[in-house]
């Protein structure tokens, strides 16, 4: 019995260590390491799987696609399943391609869309950790990941997302993002097959 108690205590300590909240100095060091990593990334692409959970729906909606990022400020989400759909952030504008038609939204003329553009790009390249005027960020170790829990300070963003959880792998790449809405609905995006600083054709970021 004593051995079982010892094993239980040891296991509990290991769980605590794996999921420990970062101290102020640890959080600062991690943010700096992510920032340093981001400086080395000129471009990046990856596959993604998106899961959308809504209380009003019986099943979780699954989508697949590919994402491209090029510094500075070019980001493209291309959904390939279950339908074709594209989101392109470029030159302070958002282009939405659906059913062969393109809609353009000038984010530079709207403070809200400008912040949304910063949020999307920042969530992908890690720059969101530096946006202290817009978000409060707490760090913790969760299994093999470092989890950054990002809470919007901006009222407009808070109406869309109550919390954003960003999971960094050992290479400081963002492997998973979970966007939680005030209603409790959430979107989870898992990324894989990372390629960094490869030759991405300029045509990838052309809008139709």
N, C-alpha and C. Protein backbone atom coordinates (compact mmCIF):
# COMPACT_ATOMS: atom_id res chain seq x y z
N UNK A 1 0.83 -1.20 0.00
CA UNK A 1 0.00 0.00 0.00
C UNK A 1 0.86 1.26 0.00
N UNK A 2 1.94 1.22 0.82
CA UNK A 2 2.82 2.39 0.86
C UNK A 2 3.48 2.63 -0.50
N UNK A 3 3.83 1.53 -1.18
CA UNK A 3 4.44 1.66 -2.51
C UNK A 3 3.45 2.30 -3.47
N UNK A 4 2.18 1.87 -3.41
CA UNK A 4 1.17 2.45 -4.27
C UNK A 4 0.99 3.94 -4.00
N UNK A 5 0.99 4.32 -2.72
CA UNK A 5 0.87 5.74 -2.35
C UNK A 5 2.05 6.53 -2.88
N UNK A 6 3.25 5.93 -2.77
CA UNK A 6 4.46 6.62 -3.24
C UNK A 6 4.38 6.84 -4.75
N UNK A 7 3.95 5.78 -5.49
CA UNK A 7 3.82 5.89 -6.94
C UNK A 7 2.81 6.95 -7.31
N UNK A 8 1.70 7.00 -6.57
CA UNK A 8 0.65 7.99 -6.84
C UNK A 8 1.18 9.41 -6.62
N UNK A 9 1.92 9.61 -5.53
CA UNK A 9 2.48 10.92 -5.23
C UNK A 9 3.50 11.32 -6.29
N UNK A 10 4.34 10.37 -6.70
CA UNK A 10 5.35 10.64 -7.71
C UNK A 10 4.69 11.00 -9.03
N UNK A 11 3.64 10.25 -9.40
CA UNK A 11 2.92 10.52 -10.65
C UNK A 11 2.27 11.89 -10.61
N UNK A 12 1.70 12.25 -9.47
CA UNK A 12 1.06 13.56 -9.31
C UNK A 12 2.08 14.68 -9.44
N UNK A 13 3.26 14.49 -8.89
CA UNK A 13 4.32 15.50 -8.98
C UNK A 13 4.77 15.67 -10.43
N UNK A 14 4.84 14.55 -11.16
CA UNK A 14 5.25 14.63 -12.56
C UNK A 14 4.21 15.39 -13.37
N UNK A 15 2.92 15.15 -13.10
CA UNK A 15 1.87 15.87 -13.80
C UNK A 15 1.95 17.35 -13.49
N UNK A 16 2.20 17.67 -12.23
CA UNK A 16 2.29 19.07 -11.84
C UNK A 16 3.45 19.75 -12.54
N UNK A 17 4.58 19.03 -12.62
CA UNK A 17 5.76 19.60 -13.27
C UNK A 17 5.51 19.82 -14.75
N UNK A 18 4.77 18.88 -15.39
CA UNK A 18 4.52 18.98 -16.82
C UNK A 18 3.53 20.09 -17.14
N UNK A 19 2.69 20.45 -16.18
CA UNK A 19 1.65 21.43 -16.43
C UNK A 19 1.83 22.69 -15.58
N UNK A 20 3.08 22.96 -15.18
CA UNK A 20 3.35 24.07 -14.28
C UNK A 20 3.20 25.41 -14.98
N UNK A 21 2.64 26.37 -14.26
CA UNK A 21 2.52 27.73 -14.77
C UNK A 21 3.88 28.40 -14.75
N UNK A 22 4.18 29.19 -15.78
CA UNK A 22 5.47 29.85 -15.87
C UNK A 22 5.57 31.00 -14.87
N UNK A 23 6.76 31.19 -14.34
CA UNK A 23 7.03 32.38 -13.53
C UNK A 23 7.20 33.56 -14.47
N UNK A 24 7.28 34.76 -13.91
CA UNK A 24 7.46 35.96 -14.73
C UNK A 24 8.73 35.89 -15.56
N UNK A 25 9.81 35.42 -14.95
CA UNK A 25 11.09 35.32 -15.67
C UNK A 25 11.04 34.25 -16.75
N UNK A 26 10.37 33.13 -16.47
CA UNK A 26 10.23 32.07 -17.47
C UNK A 26 9.39 32.54 -18.65
N UNK A 27 8.30 33.27 -18.35
CA UNK A 27 7.44 33.79 -19.40
C UNK A 27 8.21 34.77 -20.29
N UNK A 28 8.98 35.65 -19.68
CA UNK A 28 9.77 36.62 -20.43
C UNK A 28 10.78 35.92 -21.33
N UNK A 29 11.46 34.90 -20.79
CA UNK A 29 12.47 34.17 -21.56
C UNK A 29 11.82 33.43 -22.73
N UNK A 30 10.64 32.87 -22.51
CA UNK A 30 9.97 32.14 -23.59
C UNK A 30 9.52 33.10 -24.68
N UNK A 31 8.95 34.23 -24.31
CA UNK A 31 8.53 35.22 -25.30
C UNK A 31 9.72 35.68 -26.15
N UNK A 32 10.85 35.89 -25.51
CA UNK A 32 12.05 36.32 -26.23
C UNK A 32 12.53 35.23 -27.18
N UNK A 33 12.41 33.97 -26.76
CA UNK A 33 12.86 32.87 -27.63
C UNK A 33 11.95 32.73 -28.84
N UNK A 34 10.63 32.94 -28.65
CA UNK A 34 9.69 32.89 -29.78
C UNK A 34 9.96 34.04 -30.74
N UNK A 35 10.22 35.23 -30.18
CA UNK A 35 10.52 36.40 -31.00
C UNK A 35 11.79 36.18 -31.81
N UNK A 36 12.81 35.60 -31.19
CA UNK A 36 14.07 35.30 -31.89
C UNK A 36 13.83 34.31 -33.02
N UNK A 37 13.00 33.30 -32.74
CA UNK A 37 12.68 32.31 -33.77
C UNK A 37 11.95 32.96 -34.93
N UNK A 38 10.99 33.84 -34.61
CA UNK A 38 10.21 34.50 -35.65
C UNK A 38 11.10 35.34 -36.57
N UNK A 39 12.18 35.90 -36.02
CA UNK A 39 13.09 36.72 -36.82
C UNK A 39 13.77 35.91 -37.91
N UNK A 40 13.88 34.60 -37.71
CA UNK A 40 14.58 33.75 -38.68
C UNK A 40 13.65 33.23 -39.76
N UNK A 41 12.34 33.44 -39.59
CA UNK A 41 11.37 32.87 -40.52
C UNK A 41 10.97 33.91 -41.57
N UNK A 42 11.42 33.72 -42.79
CA UNK A 42 11.01 34.58 -43.90
C UNK A 42 9.68 34.12 -44.49
N UNK A 43 9.49 32.82 -44.50
CA UNK A 43 8.21 32.28 -44.94
C UNK A 43 8.01 30.90 -44.32
N UNK A 44 6.77 30.45 -44.37
CA UNK A 44 6.43 29.17 -43.74
C UNK A 44 5.15 28.66 -44.37
N UNK A 45 5.06 27.35 -44.50
CA UNK A 45 3.81 26.75 -44.96
C UNK A 45 3.57 25.45 -44.20
N UNK A 46 2.30 25.06 -44.13
CA UNK A 46 1.94 23.86 -43.38
C UNK A 46 0.55 23.40 -43.78
N UNK A 47 0.29 22.12 -43.54
CA UNK A 47 -1.07 21.62 -43.67
C UNK A 47 -1.81 21.92 -42.38
N UNK A 48 -3.13 21.99 -42.47
CA UNK A 48 -3.90 22.18 -41.23
C UNK A 48 -5.20 21.40 -41.27
N UNK A 49 -5.66 21.06 -40.08
CA UNK A 49 -7.00 20.48 -39.90
C UNK A 49 -7.74 21.36 -38.90
N UNK A 50 -8.93 21.77 -39.28
CA UNK A 50 -9.72 22.67 -38.44
C UNK A 50 -10.96 21.95 -37.92
N UNK A 51 -11.19 22.07 -36.62
CA UNK A 51 -12.36 21.49 -35.98
C UNK A 51 -13.21 22.62 -35.41
N UNK A 52 -14.47 22.65 -35.79
CA UNK A 52 -15.38 23.69 -35.33
C UNK A 52 -16.47 23.05 -34.49
N UNK A 53 -16.52 23.43 -33.20
CA UNK A 53 -17.53 22.91 -32.29
C UNK A 53 -18.56 23.98 -31.98
N UNK A 54 -19.82 23.65 -32.19
CA UNK A 54 -20.91 24.56 -31.87
C UNK A 54 -21.96 23.80 -31.06
N UNK A 55 -22.42 24.43 -29.99
CA UNK A 55 -23.41 23.78 -29.12
C UNK A 55 -24.70 23.44 -29.86
N UNK A 56 -25.01 24.22 -30.88
CA UNK A 56 -26.26 24.04 -31.60
C UNK A 56 -26.18 22.92 -32.64
N UNK A 57 -24.98 22.35 -32.83
CA UNK A 57 -24.81 21.30 -33.83
C UNK A 57 -24.41 20.00 -33.15
N UNK A 58 -24.90 18.88 -33.66
CA UNK A 58 -24.64 17.59 -33.06
C UNK A 58 -23.21 17.11 -33.34
N UNK A 59 -22.68 17.45 -34.51
CA UNK A 59 -21.36 16.98 -34.89
C UNK A 59 -20.36 18.13 -35.01
N UNK A 60 -19.11 17.82 -34.73
CA UNK A 60 -18.03 18.78 -34.94
C UNK A 60 -17.74 18.87 -36.44
N UNK A 61 -17.65 20.09 -36.95
CA UNK A 61 -17.38 20.30 -38.37
C UNK A 61 -15.87 20.25 -38.60
N UNK A 62 -15.43 19.39 -39.51
CA UNK A 62 -14.00 19.24 -39.80
C UNK A 62 -13.66 19.80 -41.18
N UNK A 63 -12.56 20.52 -41.25
CA UNK A 63 -12.08 21.07 -42.53
C UNK A 63 -10.59 20.82 -42.64
N UNK A 64 -10.10 20.71 -43.87
CA UNK A 64 -8.67 20.53 -44.12
C UNK A 64 -8.19 21.56 -45.13
N UNK A 65 -6.89 21.84 -45.08
CA UNK A 65 -6.36 22.78 -46.04
C UNK A 65 -4.87 23.01 -45.87
N UNK A 66 -4.41 24.11 -46.45
CA UNK A 66 -2.99 24.45 -46.44
C UNK A 66 -2.86 25.94 -46.13
N UNK A 67 -1.77 26.29 -45.47
CA UNK A 67 -1.54 27.68 -45.10
C UNK A 67 -0.15 28.10 -45.53
N UNK A 68 -0.05 29.35 -46.00
CA UNK A 68 1.23 29.95 -46.39
C UNK A 68 1.40 31.26 -45.64
N UNK A 69 2.61 31.55 -45.22
CA UNK A 69 2.93 32.84 -44.58
C UNK A 69 4.24 33.34 -45.14
N UNK A 70 4.29 34.63 -45.46
CA UNK A 70 5.53 35.26 -45.90
C UNK A 70 5.65 36.62 -45.22
N UNK A 71 6.81 36.90 -44.67
CA UNK A 71 7.06 38.18 -44.01
C UNK A 71 7.44 39.23 -45.05
N UNK A 72 6.90 40.44 -44.92
CA UNK A 72 5.98 40.87 -43.88
C UNK A 72 4.52 40.87 -44.34
N UNK A 73 3.66 40.41 -43.49
CA UNK A 73 2.23 40.63 -43.65
C UNK A 73 1.48 39.91 -44.74
N UNK A 74 1.97 38.74 -45.20
CA UNK A 74 1.21 37.98 -46.20
C UNK A 74 0.82 36.64 -45.59
N UNK A 75 -0.46 36.35 -45.60
CA UNK A 75 -0.96 35.14 -44.97
C UNK A 75 -2.14 34.61 -45.77
N UNK A 76 -2.06 33.33 -46.14
CA UNK A 76 -3.14 32.75 -46.94
C UNK A 76 -3.59 31.42 -46.34
N UNK A 77 -4.91 31.34 -46.09
CA UNK A 77 -5.53 30.08 -45.66
C UNK A 77 -6.30 29.54 -46.85
N UNK A 78 -6.01 28.32 -47.25
CA UNK A 78 -6.71 27.70 -48.36
C UNK A 78 -7.38 26.42 -47.89
N UNK A 79 -8.71 26.44 -47.84
CA UNK A 79 -9.47 25.26 -47.44
C UNK A 79 -9.71 24.39 -48.67
N UNK A 80 -9.45 23.10 -48.54
CA UNK A 80 -9.64 22.18 -49.66
C UNK A 80 -10.74 21.15 -49.40
N UNK A 81 -11.13 20.98 -48.15
CA UNK A 81 -12.16 20.02 -47.79
C UNK A 81 -12.90 20.52 -46.55
N UNK A 82 -14.22 20.43 -46.49
CA UNK A 82 -15.12 19.81 -47.47
C UNK A 82 -15.47 20.69 -48.67
N UNK A 83 -15.01 21.97 -48.66
CA UNK A 83 -15.27 22.86 -49.80
C UNK A 83 -14.07 23.77 -50.00
N UNK A 84 -13.98 24.34 -51.21
CA UNK A 84 -12.89 25.26 -51.53
C UNK A 84 -13.23 26.66 -51.03
N UNK A 85 -12.26 27.25 -50.30
CA UNK A 85 -12.50 28.56 -49.69
C UNK A 85 -11.15 29.14 -49.35
N UNK A 86 -10.93 30.42 -49.61
CA UNK A 86 -9.63 31.02 -49.34
C UNK A 86 -9.76 32.34 -48.58
N UNK A 87 -8.84 32.55 -47.68
CA UNK A 87 -8.69 33.82 -46.97
C UNK A 87 -7.27 34.31 -47.21
N UNK A 88 -7.11 35.51 -47.72
CA UNK A 88 -5.80 36.07 -48.02
C UNK A 88 -5.65 37.44 -47.37
N UNK A 89 -4.68 37.54 -46.45
CA UNK A 89 -4.33 38.82 -45.85
C UNK A 89 -3.10 39.35 -46.58
N UNK A 90 -3.23 40.54 -47.17
CA UNK A 90 -2.13 41.10 -47.94
C UNK A 90 -2.31 42.61 -48.09
N UNK A 91 -1.23 43.37 -47.85
CA UNK A 91 -1.25 44.82 -48.06
C UNK A 91 -2.42 45.49 -47.34
N UNK A 92 -2.61 45.13 -46.08
CA UNK A 92 -3.67 45.71 -45.23
C UNK A 92 -5.07 45.44 -45.78
N UNK A 93 -5.20 44.39 -46.57
CA UNK A 93 -6.51 44.02 -47.11
C UNK A 93 -6.77 42.54 -46.86
N UNK A 94 -8.04 42.20 -46.76
CA UNK A 94 -8.47 40.82 -46.63
C UNK A 94 -9.26 40.44 -47.87
N UNK A 95 -8.82 39.39 -48.55
CA UNK A 95 -9.51 38.88 -49.73
C UNK A 95 -10.16 37.55 -49.38
N UNK A 96 -11.44 37.43 -49.68
CA UNK A 96 -12.17 36.19 -49.42
C UNK A 96 -12.61 35.62 -50.76
N UNK A 97 -12.16 34.41 -51.07
CA UNK A 97 -12.50 33.77 -52.34
C UNK A 97 -13.44 32.59 -52.05
N UNK A 98 -14.64 32.68 -52.59
CA UNK A 98 -15.64 31.63 -52.36
C UNK A 98 -16.52 31.50 -53.61
N UNK A 99 -16.71 30.25 -54.03
CA UNK A 99 -17.52 29.97 -55.23
C UNK A 99 -17.03 30.75 -56.45
N UNK A 100 -15.70 30.89 -56.55
CA UNK A 100 -15.12 31.56 -57.70
C UNK A 100 -15.22 33.07 -57.67
N UNK A 101 -15.76 33.63 -56.59
CA UNK A 101 -15.91 35.08 -56.48
C UNK A 101 -15.01 35.61 -55.38
N UNK A 102 -14.43 36.80 -55.61
CA UNK A 102 -13.52 37.41 -54.65
C UNK A 102 -14.13 38.66 -54.04
N UNK A 103 -14.09 38.72 -52.72
CA UNK A 103 -14.51 39.92 -52.01
C UNK A 103 -13.29 40.54 -51.33
N UNK A 104 -13.21 41.87 -51.37
CA UNK A 104 -12.08 42.55 -50.77
C UNK A 104 -12.56 43.43 -49.62
N UNK A 105 -11.84 43.33 -48.50
CA UNK A 105 -12.13 44.19 -47.35
C UNK A 105 -10.84 44.90 -46.97
N UNK A 106 -10.87 46.21 -46.98
CA UNK A 106 -9.69 47.01 -46.65
C UNK A 106 -9.59 47.13 -45.14
N UNK A 107 -8.73 46.32 -44.54
CA UNK A 107 -8.59 46.32 -43.08
C UNK A 107 -7.96 47.60 -42.57
N UNK A 108 -7.22 48.30 -43.44
CA UNK A 108 -6.57 49.53 -43.02
C UNK A 108 -7.55 50.65 -42.71
N UNK A 109 -8.76 50.59 -43.28
CA UNK A 109 -9.78 51.61 -43.04
C UNK A 109 -10.68 51.27 -41.86
N UNK A 110 -10.44 50.15 -41.23
CA UNK A 110 -11.26 49.74 -40.10
C UNK A 110 -10.35 49.30 -38.96
N UNK A 111 -10.47 49.96 -37.82
CA UNK A 111 -9.63 49.61 -36.69
C UNK A 111 -9.86 48.18 -36.25
N UNK A 112 -11.14 47.73 -36.32
CA UNK A 112 -11.47 46.38 -35.90
C UNK A 112 -10.80 45.34 -36.81
N UNK A 113 -10.94 45.51 -38.14
CA UNK A 113 -10.37 44.54 -39.06
C UNK A 113 -8.84 44.61 -39.04
N UNK A 114 -8.31 45.79 -38.75
CA UNK A 114 -6.86 45.91 -38.63
C UNK A 114 -6.37 45.07 -37.45
N UNK A 115 -7.12 45.13 -36.33
CA UNK A 115 -6.77 44.32 -35.16
C UNK A 115 -6.95 42.84 -35.45
N UNK A 116 -8.00 42.51 -36.20
CA UNK A 116 -8.23 41.11 -36.56
C UNK A 116 -7.09 40.59 -37.44
N UNK A 117 -6.62 41.44 -38.36
CA UNK A 117 -5.49 41.05 -39.19
C UNK A 117 -4.25 40.79 -38.36
N UNK A 118 -4.01 41.67 -37.39
CA UNK A 118 -2.88 41.49 -36.48
C UNK A 118 -3.04 40.22 -35.66
N UNK A 119 -4.29 39.94 -35.24
CA UNK A 119 -4.56 38.76 -34.44
C UNK A 119 -4.26 37.48 -35.23
N UNK A 120 -4.76 37.41 -36.45
CA UNK A 120 -4.58 36.21 -37.27
C UNK A 120 -3.11 35.98 -37.58
N UNK A 121 -2.44 37.04 -38.06
CA UNK A 121 -1.02 36.90 -38.40
C UNK A 121 -0.19 36.63 -37.15
N UNK A 122 -0.51 37.36 -36.07
CA UNK A 122 0.23 37.19 -34.82
C UNK A 122 0.07 35.82 -34.21
N UNK A 123 -1.14 35.24 -34.37
CA UNK A 123 -1.38 33.90 -33.85
C UNK A 123 -0.56 32.86 -34.61
N UNK A 124 -0.26 33.16 -35.87
CA UNK A 124 0.46 32.19 -36.70
C UNK A 124 1.96 32.29 -36.52
N UNK A 125 2.50 33.51 -36.43
CA UNK A 125 3.95 33.65 -36.34
C UNK A 125 4.46 33.89 -34.92
N UNK A 126 3.53 33.96 -33.94
CA UNK A 126 3.93 34.12 -32.55
C UNK A 126 4.02 35.56 -32.09
N UNK A 127 3.83 36.53 -33.00
CA UNK A 127 3.94 37.94 -32.65
C UNK A 127 2.84 38.38 -31.68
N UNK A 128 1.77 37.58 -31.59
CA UNK A 128 0.69 37.92 -30.68
C UNK A 128 1.19 38.03 -29.24
N UNK A 129 2.28 37.34 -28.93
CA UNK A 129 2.83 37.37 -27.57
C UNK A 129 3.42 38.73 -27.24
N UNK A 130 3.69 39.55 -28.25
CA UNK A 130 4.28 40.87 -28.04
C UNK A 130 3.23 41.97 -28.01
N UNK A 131 1.96 41.63 -28.26
CA UNK A 131 0.89 42.63 -28.35
C UNK A 131 0.26 42.88 -26.98
N UNK A 132 1.07 43.41 -26.06
CA UNK A 132 0.61 43.58 -24.68
C UNK A 132 -0.52 44.59 -24.56
N UNK A 133 -0.61 45.52 -25.53
CA UNK A 133 -1.68 46.52 -25.44
C UNK A 133 -3.04 45.93 -25.82
N UNK A 134 -3.03 44.80 -26.52
CA UNK A 134 -4.28 44.17 -26.96
C UNK A 134 -4.63 42.92 -26.16
N UNK A 135 -3.60 42.23 -25.63
CA UNK A 135 -3.86 40.94 -25.00
C UNK A 135 -3.06 40.76 -23.71
N UNK A 136 -3.65 39.99 -22.80
CA UNK A 136 -2.92 39.51 -21.63
C UNK A 136 -2.57 38.05 -21.89
N UNK A 137 -1.33 37.67 -21.62
CA UNK A 137 -0.89 36.32 -21.95
C UNK A 137 -0.32 35.64 -20.71
N UNK A 138 -0.77 34.40 -20.48
CA UNK A 138 -0.24 33.56 -19.41
C UNK A 138 0.33 32.29 -20.04
N UNK A 139 1.40 31.77 -19.46
CA UNK A 139 2.08 30.61 -20.01
C UNK A 139 2.06 29.45 -19.03
N UNK A 140 1.99 28.24 -19.59
CA UNK A 140 2.08 27.04 -18.76
C UNK A 140 2.61 25.91 -19.64
N UNK A 141 3.24 24.95 -19.01
CA UNK A 141 3.69 23.78 -19.75
C UNK A 141 2.59 22.73 -19.69
N UNK A 142 2.19 22.22 -20.85
CA UNK A 142 1.13 21.23 -20.92
C UNK A 142 1.61 20.04 -21.75
N UNK A 143 2.06 19.00 -21.06
CA UNK A 143 2.63 17.86 -21.76
C UNK A 143 3.87 18.27 -22.52
N UNK A 144 3.91 17.98 -23.83
CA UNK A 144 5.08 18.32 -24.65
C UNK A 144 5.01 19.74 -25.19
N UNK A 145 3.92 20.45 -24.91
CA UNK A 145 3.72 21.80 -25.44
C UNK A 145 3.93 22.87 -24.37
N UNK A 146 4.22 24.09 -24.84
CA UNK A 146 4.08 25.28 -24.01
C UNK A 146 2.78 25.95 -24.46
N UNK A 147 1.86 26.13 -23.53
CA UNK A 147 0.56 26.71 -23.85
C UNK A 147 0.54 28.18 -23.45
N UNK A 148 0.23 29.03 -24.42
CA UNK A 148 0.04 30.46 -24.15
C UNK A 148 -1.47 30.73 -24.17
N UNK A 149 -2.00 31.17 -23.05
CA UNK A 149 -3.41 31.51 -22.96
C UNK A 149 -3.54 33.02 -23.12
N UNK A 150 -4.14 33.43 -24.23
CA UNK A 150 -4.21 34.83 -24.61
C UNK A 150 -5.63 35.35 -24.41
N UNK A 151 -5.76 36.39 -23.60
CA UNK A 151 -7.07 36.97 -23.29
C UNK A 151 -7.15 38.38 -23.87
N UNK A 152 -8.11 38.65 -24.75
CA UNK A 152 -8.21 39.99 -25.36
C UNK A 152 -8.55 41.07 -24.33
N UNK A 153 -7.86 42.20 -24.42
CA UNK A 153 -8.21 43.39 -23.64
C UNK A 153 -9.17 44.28 -24.41
N UNK A 154 -9.07 44.23 -25.73
CA UNK A 154 -9.91 45.04 -26.59
C UNK A 154 -11.35 44.53 -26.55
N UNK A 155 -12.32 45.42 -26.33
CA UNK A 155 -13.71 45.01 -26.16
C UNK A 155 -14.26 44.36 -27.43
N UNK A 156 -13.92 44.89 -28.59
CA UNK A 156 -14.43 44.33 -29.84
C UNK A 156 -13.91 42.91 -30.07
N UNK A 157 -12.62 42.70 -29.81
CA UNK A 157 -12.06 41.36 -29.98
C UNK A 157 -12.62 40.41 -28.93
N UNK A 158 -12.85 40.92 -27.72
CA UNK A 158 -13.40 40.09 -26.64
C UNK A 158 -14.81 39.61 -26.95
N UNK A 159 -15.53 40.35 -27.77
CA UNK A 159 -16.87 39.92 -28.17
C UNK A 159 -16.80 38.72 -29.12
N UNK A 160 -15.67 38.56 -29.80
CA UNK A 160 -15.50 37.44 -30.72
C UNK A 160 -14.82 36.25 -30.05
N UNK A 161 -13.78 36.54 -29.25
CA UNK A 161 -13.02 35.47 -28.61
C UNK A 161 -12.81 35.81 -27.13
N UNK A 162 -13.25 34.93 -26.26
CA UNK A 162 -13.02 35.14 -24.83
C UNK A 162 -11.61 34.71 -24.46
N UNK A 163 -11.06 33.77 -25.25
CA UNK A 163 -9.73 33.25 -24.94
C UNK A 163 -9.15 32.58 -26.17
N UNK A 164 -7.85 32.71 -26.34
CA UNK A 164 -7.15 32.05 -27.43
C UNK A 164 -6.00 31.25 -26.81
N UNK A 165 -5.98 29.96 -27.10
CA UNK A 165 -4.92 29.10 -26.56
C UNK A 165 -4.00 28.69 -27.70
N UNK A 166 -2.71 29.01 -27.54
CA UNK A 166 -1.72 28.74 -28.58
C UNK A 166 -0.70 27.74 -28.03
N UNK A 167 -0.49 26.65 -28.76
CA UNK A 167 0.38 25.58 -28.30
C UNK A 167 1.65 25.55 -29.16
N UNK A 168 2.79 25.76 -28.49
CA UNK A 168 4.09 25.77 -29.16
C UNK A 168 4.79 24.43 -28.94
N UNK A 169 5.39 23.89 -30.02
CA UNK A 169 6.16 22.66 -29.86
C UNK A 169 7.59 22.98 -29.47
N UNK A 170 8.42 21.97 -29.41
CA UNK A 170 9.79 22.15 -28.93
C UNK A 170 10.61 23.05 -29.84
N UNK A 171 10.23 23.13 -31.12
CA UNK A 171 10.96 23.98 -32.07
C UNK A 171 10.43 25.42 -32.09
N UNK A 172 9.51 25.73 -31.18
CA UNK A 172 8.89 27.06 -31.07
C UNK A 172 7.94 27.36 -32.24
N UNK A 173 7.51 26.32 -32.95
CA UNK A 173 6.49 26.49 -33.96
C UNK A 173 5.11 26.32 -33.31
N UNK A 174 4.14 27.04 -33.85
CA UNK A 174 2.78 26.91 -33.33
C UNK A 174 2.15 25.68 -33.98
N UNK A 175 1.85 24.70 -33.16
CA UNK A 175 1.31 23.44 -33.66
C UNK A 175 -0.22 23.38 -33.55
N UNK A 176 -0.76 24.16 -32.61
CA UNK A 176 -2.21 24.12 -32.43
C UNK A 176 -2.70 25.46 -31.88
N UNK A 177 -3.85 25.91 -32.38
CA UNK A 177 -4.48 27.13 -31.89
C UNK A 177 -5.94 26.81 -31.59
N UNK A 178 -6.41 27.23 -30.44
CA UNK A 178 -7.82 27.03 -30.06
C UNK A 178 -8.43 28.39 -29.74
N UNK A 179 -9.44 28.76 -30.53
CA UNK A 179 -10.11 30.05 -30.36
C UNK A 179 -11.48 29.80 -29.70
N UNK A 180 -11.64 30.31 -28.50
CA UNK A 180 -12.85 30.06 -27.72
C UNK A 180 -13.72 31.30 -27.71
N UNK A 181 -14.97 31.13 -28.10
CA UNK A 181 -15.91 32.24 -28.16
C UNK A 181 -16.63 32.40 -26.82
N UNK A 182 -17.18 33.58 -26.56
CA UNK A 182 -17.89 33.81 -25.29
C UNK A 182 -19.03 32.81 -25.05
N UNK A 183 -19.62 32.28 -26.12
CA UNK A 183 -20.72 31.33 -26.00
C UNK A 183 -20.26 29.94 -25.56
N UNK A 184 -18.94 29.69 -25.65
CA UNK A 184 -18.42 28.37 -25.36
C UNK A 184 -18.10 27.58 -26.62
N UNK A 185 -18.60 28.04 -27.78
CA UNK A 185 -18.23 27.44 -29.05
C UNK A 185 -16.73 27.69 -29.28
N UNK A 186 -16.09 26.79 -30.02
CA UNK A 186 -14.66 27.00 -30.26
C UNK A 186 -14.23 26.43 -31.61
N UNK A 187 -13.12 26.97 -32.09
CA UNK A 187 -12.47 26.48 -33.30
C UNK A 187 -11.06 26.05 -32.93
N UNK A 188 -10.68 24.84 -33.33
CA UNK A 188 -9.34 24.34 -33.04
C UNK A 188 -8.64 24.04 -34.36
N UNK A 189 -7.43 24.57 -34.51
CA UNK A 189 -6.66 24.39 -35.73
C UNK A 189 -5.35 23.69 -35.38
N UNK A 190 -5.13 22.53 -36.01
CA UNK A 190 -3.91 21.76 -35.79
C UNK A 190 -3.07 21.80 -37.07
N UNK A 191 -1.79 22.14 -36.93
CA UNK A 191 -0.92 22.25 -38.09
C UNK A 191 0.15 21.16 -38.10
N UNK A 192 0.55 20.77 -39.29
CA UNK A 192 1.54 19.70 -39.45
C UNK A 192 2.31 19.91 -40.75
N UNK A 193 3.35 19.10 -40.94
CA UNK A 193 4.17 19.15 -42.16
C UNK A 193 4.72 20.55 -42.44
N UNK A 194 5.37 21.12 -41.42
CA UNK A 194 5.93 22.47 -41.55
C UNK A 194 7.08 22.50 -42.54
N UNK A 195 7.12 23.58 -43.34
CA UNK A 195 8.25 23.88 -44.20
C UNK A 195 8.59 25.35 -44.00
N UNK A 196 9.84 25.64 -43.68
CA UNK A 196 10.24 27.02 -43.44
C UNK A 196 11.31 27.45 -44.43
N UNK A 197 11.23 28.74 -44.79
CA UNK A 197 12.21 29.39 -45.66
C UNK A 197 12.45 28.61 -46.95
N UNK A 198 11.34 28.11 -47.51
CA UNK A 198 11.38 27.46 -48.81
C UNK A 198 11.00 28.49 -49.88
N UNK A 199 11.10 28.09 -51.13
CA UNK A 199 10.75 28.98 -52.24
C UNK A 199 9.24 28.93 -52.46
N UNK A 200 8.52 29.93 -51.96
CA UNK A 200 7.08 30.02 -52.18
C UNK A 200 6.85 30.98 -53.36
N UNK A 201 6.24 30.51 -54.44
CA UNK A 201 6.01 31.39 -55.59
C UNK A 201 5.17 32.60 -55.21
N UNK A 202 5.51 33.74 -55.79
CA UNK A 202 4.76 34.97 -55.50
C UNK A 202 3.30 34.84 -55.88
N UNK A 203 3.01 33.97 -56.85
CA UNK A 203 1.64 33.80 -57.32
C UNK A 203 0.72 33.21 -56.24
N UNK A 204 1.31 32.57 -55.22
CA UNK A 204 0.50 32.02 -54.12
C UNK A 204 -0.32 33.11 -53.45
N UNK A 205 0.26 34.31 -53.38
CA UNK A 205 -0.40 35.42 -52.69
C UNK A 205 -1.12 36.37 -53.65
N UNK A 206 -1.27 35.95 -54.90
CA UNK A 206 -2.07 36.74 -55.83
C UNK A 206 -3.55 36.49 -55.56
N UNK A 207 -4.35 37.55 -55.59
CA UNK A 207 -5.79 37.38 -55.45
C UNK A 207 -6.41 37.34 -56.84
N UNK A 208 -7.48 36.60 -56.96
CA UNK A 208 -8.10 36.40 -58.27
C UNK A 208 -8.99 37.57 -58.64
